PDB file of N, CA and C in Angstrom:
ATOM      1  N   UNK A   1      54.421  22.944  -6.309  1.00  0.00           N
ATOM      2  CA  UNK A   1      52.817  23.254  -5.951  1.00  0.00           C
ATOM      3  C   UNK A   1      52.050  22.791  -6.677  1.00  0.00           C
ATOM      4  N   UNK A   2      52.406  22.294  -7.871  1.00  0.00           N
ATOM      5  CA  UNK A   2      52.023  22.017  -9.061  1.00  0.00           C
ATOM      6  C   UNK A   2      51.817  19.615  -9.099  1.00  0.00           C
ATOM      7  N   UNK A   3      52.756  19.610  -8.061  1.00  0.00           N
ATOM      8  CA  UNK A   3      52.505  18.031  -8.549  1.00  0.00           C
ATOM      9  C   UNK A   3      51.087  17.450  -7.159  1.00  0.00           C
ATOM     10  N   UNK A   4      51.960  18.181  -6.173  1.00  0.00           N
ATOM     11  CA  UNK A   4      51.305  18.177  -4.519  1.00  0.00           C
ATOM     12  C   UNK A   4      49.562  18.391  -5.408  1.00  0.00           C
ATOM     13  N   UNK A   5      49.441  19.218  -5.807  1.00  0.00           N
ATOM     14  CA  UNK A   5      47.667  19.491  -6.877  1.00  0.00           C
ATOM     15  C   UNK A   5      47.717  19.043  -7.287  1.00  0.00           C
ATOM     16  N   UNK A   6      48.407  17.999  -8.531  1.00  0.00           N
ATOM     17  CA  UNK A   6      47.385  16.888  -9.238  1.00  0.00           C
ATOM     18  C   UNK A   6      47.166  16.289  -8.026  1.00  0.00           C
ATOM     19  N   UNK A   7      48.078  15.637  -7.593  1.00  0.00           N
ATOM     20  CA  UNK A   7      48.357  14.217  -6.660  1.00  0.00           C
ATOM     21  C   UNK A   7      47.046  14.363  -6.079  1.00  0.00           C
ATOM     22  N   UNK A   8      46.970  15.386  -5.460  1.00  0.00           N
ATOM     23  CA  UNK A   8      45.635  15.566  -4.385  1.00  0.00           C
ATOM     24  C   UNK A   8      44.116  15.531  -5.180  1.00  0.00           C
ATOM     25  N   UNK A   9      44.318  16.514  -6.233  1.00  0.00           N
ATOM     26  CA  UNK A   9      42.973  15.996  -7.442  1.00  0.00           C
ATOM     27  C   UNK A   9      43.279  15.049  -7.490  1.00  0.00           C
ATOM     28  N   UNK A  10      43.585  13.984  -7.717  1.00  0.00           N
ATOM     29  CA  UNK A  10      44.055  12.984  -8.779  1.00  0.00           C
ATOM     30  C   UNK A  10      43.285  11.834  -7.709  1.00  0.00           C
ATOM     31  N   UNK A  11      43.813  12.276  -6.732  1.00  0.00           N
ATOM     32  CA  UNK A  11      43.122  11.211  -5.006  1.00  0.00           C
ATOM     33  C   UNK A  11      41.274  11.456  -4.765  1.00  0.00           C
ATOM     34  N   UNK A  12      42.038  12.777  -5.307  1.00  0.00           N
ATOM     35  CA  UNK A  12      40.168  12.716  -4.966  1.00  0.00           C
ATOM     36  C   UNK A  12      39.011  13.050  -6.346  1.00  0.00           C
ATOM     37  N   UNK A  13      39.585  13.008  -7.492  1.00  0.00           N
ATOM     38  CA  UNK A  13      38.479  12.280  -8.080  1.00  0.00           C
ATOM     39  C   UNK A  13      39.010  10.762  -8.337  1.00  0.00           C
ATOM     40  N   UNK A  14      39.529  10.100  -7.665  1.00  0.00           N
ATOM     41  CA  UNK A  14      39.485   8.399  -7.381  1.00  0.00           C
ATOM     42  C   UNK A  14      38.616   8.430  -6.562  1.00  0.00           C
ATOM     43  N   UNK A  15      38.878   8.846  -5.075  1.00  0.00           N
ATOM     44  CA  UNK A  15      37.717   9.048  -4.290  1.00  0.00           C
ATOM     45  C   UNK A  15      36.400   9.127  -4.524  1.00  0.00           C
ATOM     46  N   UNK A  16      36.310  10.295  -5.127  1.00  0.00           N
ATOM     47  CA  UNK A  16      34.419  10.431  -5.978  1.00  0.00           C
ATOM     48  C   UNK A  16      34.282   9.659  -6.868  1.00  0.00           C
ATOM     49  N   UNK A  17      35.303   8.686  -7.697  1.00  0.00           N
ATOM     50  CA  UNK A  17      34.095   7.667  -8.258  1.00  0.00           C
ATOM     51  C   UNK A  17      34.260   6.490  -7.302  1.00  0.00           C
ATOM     52  N   UNK A  18      35.030   6.291  -6.808  1.00  0.00           N
ATOM     53  CA  UNK A  18      34.682   4.749  -5.687  1.00  0.00           C
ATOM     54  C   UNK A  18      33.394   5.196  -4.622  1.00  0.00           C
ATOM     55  N   UNK A  19      32.931   6.350  -4.231  1.00  0.00           N
ATOM     56  CA  UNK A  19      32.180   6.323  -3.266  1.00  0.00           C
ATOM     57  C   UNK A  19      31.147   6.964  -4.206  1.00  0.00           C
ATOM     58  N   UNK A  20      30.561   7.576  -5.343  1.00  0.00           N
ATOM     59  CA  UNK A  20      29.373   7.858  -5.991  1.00  0.00           C
ATOM     60  C   UNK A  20      28.067   6.549  -6.127  1.00  0.00           C
ATOM     61  N   UNK A  21      28.832   5.734  -7.128  1.00  0.00           N
ATOM     62  CA  UNK A  21      28.017   4.088  -7.132  1.00  0.00           C
ATOM     63  C   UNK A  21      27.057   3.811  -5.984  1.00  0.00           C
ATOM     64  N   UNK A  22      27.710   4.140  -4.049  1.00  0.00           N
ATOM     65  CA  UNK A  22      27.426   3.406  -2.873  1.00  0.00           C
ATOM     66  C   UNK A  22      26.446   4.888  -2.785  1.00  0.00           C
ATOM     67  N   UNK A  23      26.863   5.792  -3.167  1.00  0.00           N
ATOM     68  CA  UNK A  23      25.297   7.195  -2.226  1.00  0.00           C
ATOM     69  C   UNK A  23      24.860   6.666  -3.787  1.00  0.00           C
ATOM     70  N   UNK A  24      24.260   6.437  -4.639  1.00  0.00           N
ATOM     71  CA  UNK A  24      23.305   6.367  -5.569  1.00  0.00           C
ATOM     72  C   UNK A  24      22.484   5.114  -4.910  1.00  0.00           C
ATOM     73  N   UNK A  25      23.368   4.016  -4.626  1.00  0.00           N
ATOM     74  CA  UNK A  25      22.554   3.027  -4.239  1.00  0.00           C
ATOM     75  C   UNK A  25      21.861   3.176  -2.684  1.00  0.00           C
ATOM     76  N   UNK A  26      22.572   4.075  -1.676  1.00  0.00           N
ATOM     77  CA  UNK A  26      22.084   4.433  -0.824  1.00  0.00           C
ATOM     78  C   UNK A  26      20.473   4.935  -1.441  1.00  0.00           C
ATOM     79  N   UNK A  27      20.669   5.976  -1.945  1.00  0.00           N
ATOM     80  CA  UNK A  27      19.874   6.852  -2.420  1.00  0.00           C
ATOM     81  C   UNK A  27      18.236   5.531  -2.952  1.00  0.00           C
ATOM     82  N   UNK A  28      19.109   5.344  -4.002  1.00  0.00           N
ATOM     83  CA  UNK A  28      17.662   4.674  -4.302  1.00  0.00           C
ATOM     84  C   UNK A  28      17.328   3.260  -3.292  1.00  0.00           C
ATOM     85  N   UNK A  29      17.445   2.962  -2.585  1.00  0.00           N
ATOM     86  CA  UNK A  29      17.123   1.968  -1.043  1.00  0.00           C
ATOM     87  C   UNK A  29      15.926   3.292  -0.311  1.00  0.00           C
ATOM     88  N   UNK A  30      17.235   4.090  -0.210  1.00  0.00           N
ATOM     89  CA  UNK A  30      15.650   4.886   0.883  1.00  0.00           C
ATOM     90  C   UNK A  30      14.613   5.675   0.049  1.00  0.00           C
ATOM     91  N   UNK A  31      14.376   6.003  -0.822  1.00  0.00           N
ATOM     92  CA  UNK A  31      13.525   5.935  -1.650  1.00  0.00           C
ATOM     93  C   UNK A  31      12.195   4.804  -1.990  1.00  0.00           C
ATOM     94  N   UNK A  32      13.193   3.319  -1.873  1.00  0.00           N
ATOM     95  CA  UNK A  32      12.340   1.930  -2.273  1.00  0.00           C
ATOM     96  C   UNK A  32      11.831   2.020  -0.644  1.00  0.00           C
ATOM     97  N   UNK A  33      12.248   2.077   0.327  1.00  0.00           N
ATOM     98  CA  UNK A  33      12.203   2.214   1.575  1.00  0.00           C
ATOM     99  C   UNK A  33      11.048   3.062   1.952  1.00  0.00           C
ATOM    100  N   UNK A  34      10.826   4.518   1.209  1.00  0.00           N
ATOM    101  CA  UNK A  34       9.674   4.941   1.993  1.00  0.00           C
ATOM    102  C   UNK A  34       8.481   4.895   1.108  1.00  0.00           C
ATOM    103  N   UNK A  35       8.889   4.153  -0.151  1.00  0.00           N
ATOM    104  CA  UNK A  35       7.430   3.827  -0.980  1.00  0.00           C
ATOM    105  C   UNK A  35       7.198   2.421  -0.096  1.00  0.00           C
ATOM    106  N   UNK A  36       8.232   1.379   0.504  1.00  0.00           N
ATOM    107  CA  UNK A  36       7.194  -0.019   1.555  1.00  0.00           C
ATOM    108  C   UNK A  36       6.507   0.784   2.583  1.00  0.00           C
ATOM    109  N   UNK A  37       6.866   1.856   3.247  1.00  0.00           N
ATOM    110  CA  UNK A  37       6.636   2.264   4.316  1.00  0.00           C
ATOM    111  C   UNK A  37       5.423   2.751   3.918  1.00  0.00           C
ATOM    112  N   UNK A  38       5.320   3.685   3.108  1.00  0.00           N
ATOM    113  CA  UNK A  38       3.570   4.265   2.352  1.00  0.00           C
ATOM    114  C   UNK A  38       3.163   2.858   2.451  1.00  0.00           C
ATOM    115  N   UNK A  39       3.637   1.976   1.610  1.00  0.00           N
ATOM    116  CA  UNK A  39       2.563   0.888   1.001  1.00  0.00           C
ATOM    117  C   UNK A  39       2.261   0.319   2.622  1.00  0.00           C
ATOM    118  N   UNK A  40       2.848  -0.127   3.505  1.00  0.00           N
ATOM    119  CA  UNK A  40       2.501  -0.766   4.828  1.00  0.00           C
ATOM    120  C   UNK A  40       1.645  -0.113   5.925  1.00  0.00           C
ATOM    121  N   UNK A  41       2.091   0.997   5.538  1.00  0.00           N
ATOM    122  CA  UNK A  41       0.434   1.977   6.338  1.00  0.00           C
ATOM    123  C   UNK A  41      -0.885   1.798   6.267  1.00  0.00           C
ATOM    124  N   UNK A  42      -0.751   1.508   4.584  1.00  0.00           N
ATOM    125  CA  UNK A  42      -2.259   2.002   3.537  1.00  0.00           C
ATOM    126  C   UNK A  42      -2.562   0.638   4.212  1.00  0.00           C
ATOM    127  N   UNK A  43      -2.156  -0.890   4.113  1.00  0.00           N
ATOM    128  CA  UNK A  43      -2.073  -2.184   4.014  1.00  0.00           C
ATOM    129  C   UNK A  43      -2.748  -2.050   5.403  1.00  0.00           C
ATOM    130  N   UNK A  44      -2.590  -1.586   6.444  1.00  0.00           N
ATOM    131  CA  UNK A  44      -2.445  -1.442   8.393  1.00  0.00           C
ATOM    132  C   UNK A  44      -3.892  -0.464   8.640  1.00  0.00           C
ATOM    133  N   UNK A  45      -4.465   0.170   7.668  1.00  0.00           N
ATOM    134  CA  UNK A  45      -5.027   1.169   7.594  1.00  0.00           C
ATOM    135  C   UNK A  45      -6.347  -0.015   7.051  1.00  0.00           C
ATOM    136  N   UNK A  46      -6.686   0.019   5.687  1.00  0.00           N
ATOM    137  CA  UNK A  46      -6.896  -1.548   5.138  1.00  0.00           C
ATOM    138  C   UNK A  46      -7.408  -2.589   5.651  1.00  0.00           C
ATOM    139  N   UNK A  47      -6.519  -2.652   6.253  1.00  0.00           N
ATOM    140  CA  UNK A  47      -6.876  -4.612   7.538  1.00  0.00           C
ATOM    141  C   UNK A  47      -7.406  -4.189   8.833  1.00  0.00           C
ATOM    142  N   UNK A  48      -7.166  -2.792   8.739  1.00  0.00           N
ATOM    143  CA  UNK A  48      -7.973  -1.956  10.512  1.00  0.00           C
ATOM    144  C   UNK A  48      -9.772  -2.269  10.011  1.00  0.00           C
ATOM    145  N   UNK A  49      -9.690  -1.813   8.831  1.00  0.00           N
ATOM    146  CA  UNK A  49     -11.466  -1.613   8.462  1.00  0.00           C
ATOM    147  C   UNK A  49     -11.966  -3.560   8.032  1.00  0.00           C
ATOM    148  N   UNK A  50     -10.797  -3.713   7.821  1.00  0.00           N
ATOM    149  CA  UNK A  50     -11.504  -5.455   7.622  1.00  0.00           C
ATOM    150  C   UNK A  50     -11.803  -6.168   8.458  1.00  0.00           C
ATOM    151  N   UNK A  51     -10.561  -6.062  10.048  1.00  0.00           N
ATOM    152  CA  UNK A  51     -10.959  -6.268  10.786  1.00  0.00           C
ATOM    153  C   UNK A  51     -12.523  -5.832  11.679  1.00  0.00           C
ATOM    154  N   UNK A  52     -12.441  -4.210  11.644  1.00  0.00           N
ATOM    155  CA  UNK A  52     -14.037  -4.006  12.200  1.00  0.00           C
ATOM    156  C   UNK A  52     -15.452  -4.336  10.984  1.00  0.00           C
ATOM    157  N   UNK A  53     -15.032  -5.099  10.209  1.00  0.00           N
ATOM    158  CA  UNK A  53     -15.870  -5.148   9.167  1.00  0.00           C
ATOM    159  C   UNK A  53     -16.612  -6.946   9.878  1.00  0.00           C
ATOM    160  N   UNK A  54     -15.201  -7.810   9.569  1.00  0.00           N
ATOM    161  CA  UNK A  54     -15.518  -8.986  10.258  1.00  0.00           C
ATOM    162  C   UNK A  54     -16.218  -9.004  11.516  1.00  0.00           C
ATOM    163  N   UNK A  55     -15.866  -7.779  12.457  1.00  0.00           N
ATOM    164  CA  UNK A  55     -15.619  -7.755  13.764  1.00  0.00           C
ATOM    165  C   UNK A  55     -18.189  -7.799  13.811  1.00  0.00           C
ATOM    166  N   UNK A  56     -17.935  -6.543  13.062  1.00  0.00           N
ATOM    167  CA  UNK A  56     -19.408  -6.937  12.188  1.00  0.00           C
ATOM    168  C   UNK A  56     -20.064  -7.827  11.950  1.00  0.00           C
ATOM    169  N   UNK A  57     -19.777  -8.611  11.271  1.00  0.00           N
ATOM    170  CA  UNK A  57     -20.367  -9.990  10.828  1.00  0.00           C
ATOM    171  C   UNK A  57     -20.778 -10.595  11.751  1.00  0.00           C
ATOM    172  N   UNK A  58     -19.475 -10.433  12.521  1.00  0.00           N
ATOM    173  CA  UNK A  58     -19.646 -11.914  13.374  1.00  0.00           C
ATOM    174  C   UNK A  58     -20.858 -11.276  14.437  1.00  0.00           C
ATOM    175  N   UNK A  59     -21.231 -10.426  14.765  1.00  0.00           N
ATOM    176  CA  UNK A  59     -21.658  -9.811  16.437  1.00  0.00           C
ATOM    177  C   UNK A  59     -22.490  -9.113  15.361  1.00  0.00           C
ATOM    178  N   UNK A  60     -23.057  -8.094  14.742  1.00  0.00           N
ATOM    179  CA  UNK A  60     -24.095  -7.478  14.469  1.00  0.00           C
ATOM    180  C   UNK A  60     -25.551  -8.375  13.295  1.00  0.00           C
ATOM    181  N   UNK A  61     -26.721  -8.976  13.838  1.00  0.00           N
ATOM    182  CA  UNK A  61     -27.466  -8.935  13.208  1.00  0.00           C
ATOM    183  C   UNK A  61     -27.672  -8.621  12.204  1.00  0.00           C
ATOM    184  N   UNK A  62     -28.131  -7.423  12.002  1.00  0.00           N
ATOM    185  CA  UNK A  62     -28.880  -6.244  11.311  1.00  0.00           C
ATOM    186  C   UNK A  62     -27.736  -5.735  10.195  1.00  0.00           C
ATOM    187  N   UNK A  63     -26.198  -5.976  10.548  1.00  0.00           N
ATOM    188  CA  UNK A  63     -25.111  -5.697   9.579  1.00  0.00           C
ATOM    189  C   UNK A  63     -25.048  -7.182   8.720  1.00  0.00           C
ATOM    190  N   UNK A  64     -25.309  -8.375   9.266  1.00  0.00           N
ATOM    191  CA  UNK A  64     -25.616  -9.940   8.619  1.00  0.00           C
ATOM    192  C   UNK A  64     -26.740  -9.819   7.550  1.00  0.00           C
ATOM    193  N   UNK A  65     -27.822  -9.279   8.424  1.00  0.00           N
ATOM    194  CA  UNK A  65     -28.887  -9.559   7.134  1.00  0.00           C
ATOM    195  C   UNK A  65     -28.411  -8.596   6.056  1.00  0.00           C
ATOM    196  N   UNK A  66     -28.173  -6.657   6.084  1.00  0.00           N
ATOM    197  CA  UNK A  66     -27.999  -6.616   5.406  1.00  0.00           C
ATOM    198  C   UNK A  66     -27.240  -7.460   4.103  1.00  0.00           C
ATOM    199  N   UNK A  67     -25.547  -7.140   4.663  1.00  0.00           N
ATOM    200  CA  UNK A  67     -25.081  -7.937   3.549  1.00  0.00           C
ATOM    201  C   UNK A  67     -25.550  -9.351   3.005  1.00  0.00           C
ATOM    202  N   UNK A  68     -26.697  -9.950   3.413  1.00  0.00           N
ATOM    203  CA  UNK A  68     -26.790 -11.592   3.118  1.00  0.00           C
ATOM    204  C   UNK A  68     -27.719 -10.829   1.956  1.00  0.00           C
ATOM    205  N   UNK A  69     -28.836  -9.440   2.114  1.00  0.00           N
ATOM    206  CA  UNK A  69     -29.313  -9.492   1.369  1.00  0.00           C
ATOM    207  C   UNK A  69     -28.896  -8.409   0.008  1.00  0.00           C
ATOM    208  N   UNK A  70     -27.980  -7.585   0.134  1.00  0.00           N
ATOM    209  CA  UNK A  70     -27.679  -6.981  -1.135  1.00  0.00           C
ATOM    210  C   UNK A  70     -26.491  -7.776  -2.143  1.00  0.00           C
ATOM    211  N   UNK A  71     -25.429  -8.923  -0.966  1.00  0.00           N
ATOM    212  CA  UNK A  71     -24.656  -9.275  -1.629  1.00  0.00           C
ATOM    213  C   UNK A  71     -24.978 -10.419  -2.119  1.00  0.00           C
ATOM    214  N   UNK A  72     -25.634 -11.470  -1.381  1.00  0.00           N
ATOM    215  CA  UNK A  72     -26.482 -12.338  -2.116  1.00  0.00           C
ATOM    216  C   UNK A  72     -27.801 -12.887  -2.353  1.00  0.00           C
ATOM    217  N   UNK A  73     -28.478 -12.082  -1.789  1.00  0.00           N
ATOM    218  CA  UNK A  73     -30.012 -11.578  -2.837  1.00  0.00           C
ATOM    219  C   UNK A  73     -30.831 -12.500  -2.305  1.00  0.00           C
ATOM    220  N   UNK A  74     -30.562 -12.565  -0.811  1.00  0.00           N
ATOM    221  CA  UNK A  74     -31.360 -13.089  -0.067  1.00  0.00           C
ATOM    222  C   UNK A  74     -32.872 -12.612   0.556  1.00  0.00           C
ATOM    223  N   UNK A  75     -33.946 -13.154   0.293  1.00  0.00           N
ATOM    224  CA  UNK A  75     -35.282 -12.869   0.829  1.00  0.00           C
ATOM    225  C   UNK A  75     -35.713 -13.312   2.614  1.00  0.00           C
ATOM    226  N   UNK A  76     -36.555 -12.709   2.866  1.00  0.00           N
ATOM    227  CA  UNK A  76     -36.996 -13.346   4.036  1.00  0.00           C
ATOM    228  C   UNK A  76     -38.295 -14.251   3.329  1.00  0.00           C
ATOM    229  N   UNK A  77     -39.115 -15.318   4.410  1.00  0.00           N
ATOM    230  CA  UNK A  77     -40.239 -16.172   3.499  1.00  0.00           C
ATOM    231  C   UNK A  77     -41.562 -15.251   3.408  1.00  0.00           C
ATOM    232  N   UNK A  78     -42.195 -14.128   4.197  1.00  0.00           N
ATOM    233  CA  UNK A  78     -43.366 -13.238   3.588  1.00  0.00           C
ATOM    234  C   UNK A  78     -42.587 -12.409   2.629  1.00  0.00           C
ATOM    235  N   UNK A  79     -41.589 -12.063   2.136  1.00  0.00           N
ATOM    236  CA  UNK A  79     -41.147 -11.632   1.456  1.00  0.00           C
ATOM    237  C   UNK A  79     -41.211 -12.032  -0.127  1.00  0.00           C
ATOM    238  N   UNK A  80     -41.589 -10.982  -1.331  1.00  0.00           N
ATOM    239  CA  UNK A  80     -42.003 -11.083  -2.522  1.00  0.00           C
ATOM    240  C   UNK A  80     -40.854 -10.613  -3.677  1.00  0.00           C
ATOM    241  N   UNK A  81     -39.718 -11.274  -3.984  1.00  0.00           N
ATOM    242  CA  UNK A  81     -38.551 -10.612  -4.764  1.00  0.00           C
ATOM    243  C   UNK A  81     -39.071  -9.801  -6.279  1.00  0.00           C
ATOM    244  N   UNK A  82     -38.525  -8.985  -5.966  1.00  0.00           N
ATOM    245  CA  UNK A  82     -38.760  -8.234  -7.887  1.00  0.00           C
ATOM    246  C   UNK A  82     -36.797  -8.084  -8.061  1.00  0.00           C
ATOM    247  N   UNK A  83     -37.500  -8.248  -9.878  1.00  0.00           N
ATOM    248  CA  UNK A  83     -35.954  -8.240 -10.309  1.00  0.00           C
ATOM    249  C   UNK A  83     -36.243  -7.081 -10.920  1.00  0.00           C
ATOM    250  N   UNK A  84     -36.241  -6.132 -10.485  1.00  0.00           N
ATOM    251  CA  UNK A  84     -35.462  -4.596 -12.085  1.00  0.00           C
ATOM    252  C   UNK A  84     -35.511  -4.877 -13.365  1.00  0.00           C
ATOM    253  N   UNK A  85     -35.977  -4.603 -14.203  1.00  0.00           N
ATOM    254  CA  UNK A  85     -35.422  -5.059 -15.626  1.00  0.00           C
ATOM    255  C   UNK A  85     -35.523  -3.399 -16.408  1.00  0.00           C
ATOM    256  N   UNK A  86     -34.136  -3.416 -16.774  1.00  0.00           N
ATOM    257  CA  UNK A  86     -34.202  -2.238 -17.032  1.00  0.00           C
ATOM    258  C   UNK A  86     -34.754  -2.036 -18.636  1.00  0.00           C
ATOM    259  N   UNK A  87     -35.350  -0.762 -19.052  1.00  0.00           N
ATOM    260  CA  UNK A  87     -35.387  -0.361 -20.036  1.00  0.00           C
ATOM    261  C   UNK A  87     -34.182  -0.284 -21.374  1.00  0.00           C
ATOM    262  N   UNK A  88     -34.413  -0.686 -22.692  1.00  0.00           N
ATOM    263  CA  UNK A  88     -33.712  -0.772 -23.887  1.00  0.00           C
ATOM    264  C   UNK A  88     -33.812   0.449 -23.997  1.00  0.00           C
TER     265      UNK A  88
END
């Protein structure tokens, strides 16, 4: 009985040693896959927001004017631009 027990125990140890690295690799890849899926989801949401903004820039004249005024400092002909100087 002891020979068969030690033989079975030895085979079990060898099997465990062979399968542990593969199991660890699978767990690592599953974790990496989950991270990539999260990034993909976030990028898809950001892409939708950017597509909406692009659509508004192409079609909505009020939004175009807002962007021109805020980001580029554009003023109309009849307006006087003011520059605010902060006090020290």
